[in-house]
């Protein structure tokens, strides 16, 4: 189970005229807690940004799925609605899912979500596509030995995730 956190940072960037300009950026981090999201973000951005930055906010992102595509420059948030028949009442039931997809434009975002939904058996439709301010996504990575960057095994991560849900 993935827990996505949207993290916002601010820093001063020097523009082409030599003037300092305030910059605010958002990142999406897969982590077990707010604290881990902050530490992972800082660890990842220390190598990417030469400027000093501060984390200004962390919120839990309400996403069911993140769909990365190589070479895409932007992240789009899509509302996908799945339609199913309620067995008890016989009425149609709609379930909404928020999906984040990498794409270069709205058309590509629609196509990428459609590709990811090809195996879904129930009828579905994309009701909304919106460009986000997310610059990059940092998924939770496990190395070849089955340990993550905090030296936790998959069993440890599952145990912690199960306890967080309870």
Protein backbone atom coordinates (compact mmCIF):
# COMPACT_ATOMS: atom_id res chain seq x y z
CA UNK A 1 0.00 0.00 0.00
CA UNK A 2 1.37 3.37 -0.98
CA UNK A 3 1.00 6.50 1.13
CA UNK A 4 1.54 9.59 -0.99
CA UNK A 5 2.44 12.94 0.53
CA UNK A 6 2.50 16.24 -1.34
CA UNK A 7 5.45 18.26 -0.08
CA UNK A 8 5.95 21.95 -0.80
CA UNK A 9 9.29 23.73 -0.67
CA UNK A 10 10.53 27.30 -1.13
CA UNK A 11 13.93 28.58 -2.09
CA UNK A 12 15.65 31.58 -3.69
CA UNK A 13 16.74 31.12 -7.29
CA UNK A 14 18.99 33.50 -9.18
CA UNK A 15 17.48 34.45 -12.55
CA UNK A 16 19.33 35.33 -15.77
CA UNK A 17 19.65 38.98 -14.60
CA UNK A 18 21.42 38.02 -11.37
CA UNK A 19 18.43 38.81 -9.18
CA UNK A 20 17.12 36.49 -6.50
CA UNK A 21 13.63 35.24 -7.19
CA UNK A 22 11.50 33.25 -4.71
CA UNK A 23 10.46 29.85 -6.08
CA UNK A 24 7.82 27.48 -4.68
CA UNK A 25 7.64 23.87 -5.89
CA UNK A 26 5.61 20.77 -5.04
CA UNK A 27 6.82 17.18 -4.95
CA UNK A 28 5.03 13.89 -4.36
CA UNK A 29 6.73 11.45 -1.97
CA UNK A 30 5.75 7.88 -1.10
CA UNK A 31 6.44 7.38 2.62
CA UNK A 32 5.06 5.74 5.75
CA UNK A 33 4.70 8.98 7.74
CA UNK A 34 4.92 12.76 7.48
CA UNK A 35 8.35 12.66 9.13
CA UNK A 36 9.67 10.11 6.68
CA UNK A 37 8.22 12.07 3.75
CA UNK A 38 10.10 15.17 4.89
CA UNK A 39 13.39 13.34 5.44
CA UNK A 40 13.14 11.51 2.08
CA UNK A 41 12.36 14.76 0.27
CA UNK A 42 15.31 16.56 1.85
CA UNK A 43 17.62 13.63 1.06
CA UNK A 44 16.48 13.53 -2.60
CA UNK A 45 16.61 17.29 -3.18
CA UNK A 46 20.00 17.85 -1.55
CA UNK A 47 21.58 16.28 -4.64
CA UNK A 48 19.29 18.03 -7.15
CA UNK A 49 19.15 21.61 -5.83
CA UNK A 50 22.23 23.69 -5.22
CA UNK A 51 20.22 26.34 -3.33
CA UNK A 52 19.15 26.11 0.29
CA UNK A 53 15.46 25.30 0.59
CA UNK A 54 12.87 24.91 3.31
CA UNK A 55 9.93 22.52 3.46
CA UNK A 56 6.85 24.72 3.89
CA UNK A 57 4.12 22.11 3.97
CA UNK A 58 3.30 18.42 3.81
CA UNK A 59 -0.20 17.09 3.15
CA UNK A 60 -1.47 13.58 2.60
CA UNK A 61 -2.38 13.23 -1.07
CA UNK A 62 -5.67 11.49 -1.83
CA UNK A 63 -4.45 9.37 -4.72
CA UNK A 64 -5.34 5.81 -5.59
CA UNK A 65 -2.68 5.43 -8.27
CA UNK A 66 0.36 7.18 -9.75
CA UNK A 67 1.07 6.40 -13.40
CA UNK A 68 4.59 7.38 -14.52
CA UNK A 69 5.56 7.60 -18.21
CA UNK A 70 9.14 8.07 -19.40
CA UNK A 71 9.93 11.43 -20.93
CA UNK A 72 6.76 13.18 -19.75
CA UNK A 73 7.27 16.70 -18.44
CA UNK A 74 4.08 17.36 -16.46
CA UNK A 75 1.85 15.63 -13.92
CA UNK A 76 -1.92 15.63 -14.38
CA UNK A 77 -4.52 14.74 -11.78
CA UNK A 78 -7.40 12.76 -13.28
CA UNK A 79 -10.72 11.81 -11.78
CA UNK A 80 -11.64 8.32 -12.99
CA UNK A 81 -15.13 7.02 -12.21
CA UNK A 82 -15.82 3.28 -12.16
CA UNK A 83 -19.43 2.19 -12.63
CA UNK A 84 -20.76 -1.03 -11.17
CA UNK A 85 -24.12 -2.52 -10.24
CA UNK A 86 -24.90 -2.81 -6.53
CA UNK A 87 -25.86 -6.46 -5.99
CA UNK A 88 -28.33 -5.73 -3.17
CA UNK A 89 -30.28 -2.82 -4.63
CA UNK A 90 -29.64 -3.42 -8.33
CA UNK A 91 -28.79 0.26 -8.84
CA UNK A 92 -25.72 1.60 -10.60
CA UNK A 93 -22.96 2.63 -8.21
CA UNK A 94 -20.16 5.03 -9.14
CA UNK A 95 -16.78 4.99 -7.39
CA UNK A 96 -14.36 7.89 -7.88
CA UNK A 97 -10.59 7.46 -7.96
CA UNK A 98 -7.98 10.19 -8.13
CA UNK A 99 -5.09 9.24 -10.42
CA UNK A 100 -1.86 11.15 -11.04
CA UNK A 101 -0.44 10.58 -14.51
CA UNK A 102 2.71 11.83 -16.24
CA UNK A 103 2.13 13.36 -19.67
CA UNK A 104 3.18 16.20 -21.95
CA UNK A 105 -0.34 17.57 -22.55
CA UNK A 106 -4.03 16.93 -21.83
CA UNK A 107 -4.44 14.57 -24.77
CA UNK A 108 -1.44 12.47 -23.69
CA UNK A 109 -2.77 12.42 -20.11
CA UNK A 110 -6.09 11.05 -21.38
CA UNK A 111 -4.31 8.44 -23.51
CA UNK A 112 -1.96 7.40 -20.68
CA UNK A 113 -4.83 6.90 -18.23
CA UNK A 114 -6.75 4.99 -20.89
CA UNK A 115 -3.73 2.69 -21.43
CA UNK A 116 -3.48 2.03 -17.71
CA UNK A 117 -7.19 1.16 -17.51
CA UNK A 118 -7.21 -1.38 -20.38
CA UNK A 119 -7.33 -4.36 -17.99
CA UNK A 120 -10.21 -2.98 -15.91
CA UNK A 121 -13.36 -5.05 -16.42
CA UNK A 122 -15.99 -2.62 -15.11
CA UNK A 123 -17.07 0.40 -17.18
CA UNK A 124 -15.11 3.53 -16.38
CA UNK A 125 -14.79 7.10 -17.60
CA UNK A 126 -12.42 9.99 -17.10
CA UNK A 127 -14.45 12.91 -15.75
CA UNK A 128 -11.74 15.45 -15.09
CA UNK A 129 -8.12 16.17 -16.04
CA UNK A 130 -6.18 19.01 -14.41
CA UNK A 131 -2.56 20.08 -14.64
CA UNK A 132 -0.82 20.01 -11.24
CA UNK A 133 2.13 21.98 -9.91
CA UNK A 134 3.98 18.78 -8.97
CA UNK A 135 7.56 18.90 -10.25
CA UNK A 136 8.64 15.33 -9.51
CA UNK A 137 7.47 12.10 -7.88
CA UNK A 138 9.62 10.03 -5.53
CA UNK A 139 8.25 6.48 -5.18
CA UNK A 140 9.35 4.21 -2.36
CA UNK A 141 12.30 2.22 -3.68
CA UNK A 142 13.59 -1.14 -2.51
CA UNK A 143 17.12 -2.23 -3.42
CA UNK A 144 18.17 -5.65 -4.77
CA UNK A 145 18.57 -7.12 -1.28
CA UNK A 146 14.94 -6.39 -0.36
CA UNK A 147 15.82 -3.40 1.80
CA UNK A 148 14.63 0.16 1.38
CA UNK A 149 16.67 3.29 1.95
CA UNK A 150 16.04 3.03 5.74
CA UNK A 151 17.36 -0.58 5.80
CA UNK A 152 13.90 -2.00 6.50
CA UNK A 153 12.94 -5.30 4.93
CA UNK A 154 9.66 -5.76 3.04
CA UNK A 155 8.27 -7.56 6.11
CA UNK A 156 9.14 -4.57 8.33
CA UNK A 157 7.48 -2.15 5.90
CA UNK A 158 4.33 -4.30 5.71
CA UNK A 159 4.19 -4.56 9.52
CA UNK A 160 4.54 -0.78 9.91
CA UNK A 161 1.94 -0.15 7.18
CA UNK A 162 -0.52 -2.55 8.83
CA UNK A 163 -0.04 -0.85 12.22
CA UNK A 164 -0.56 2.60 10.64
CA UNK A 165 -3.88 1.47 9.16
CA UNK A 166 -5.17 0.08 12.51
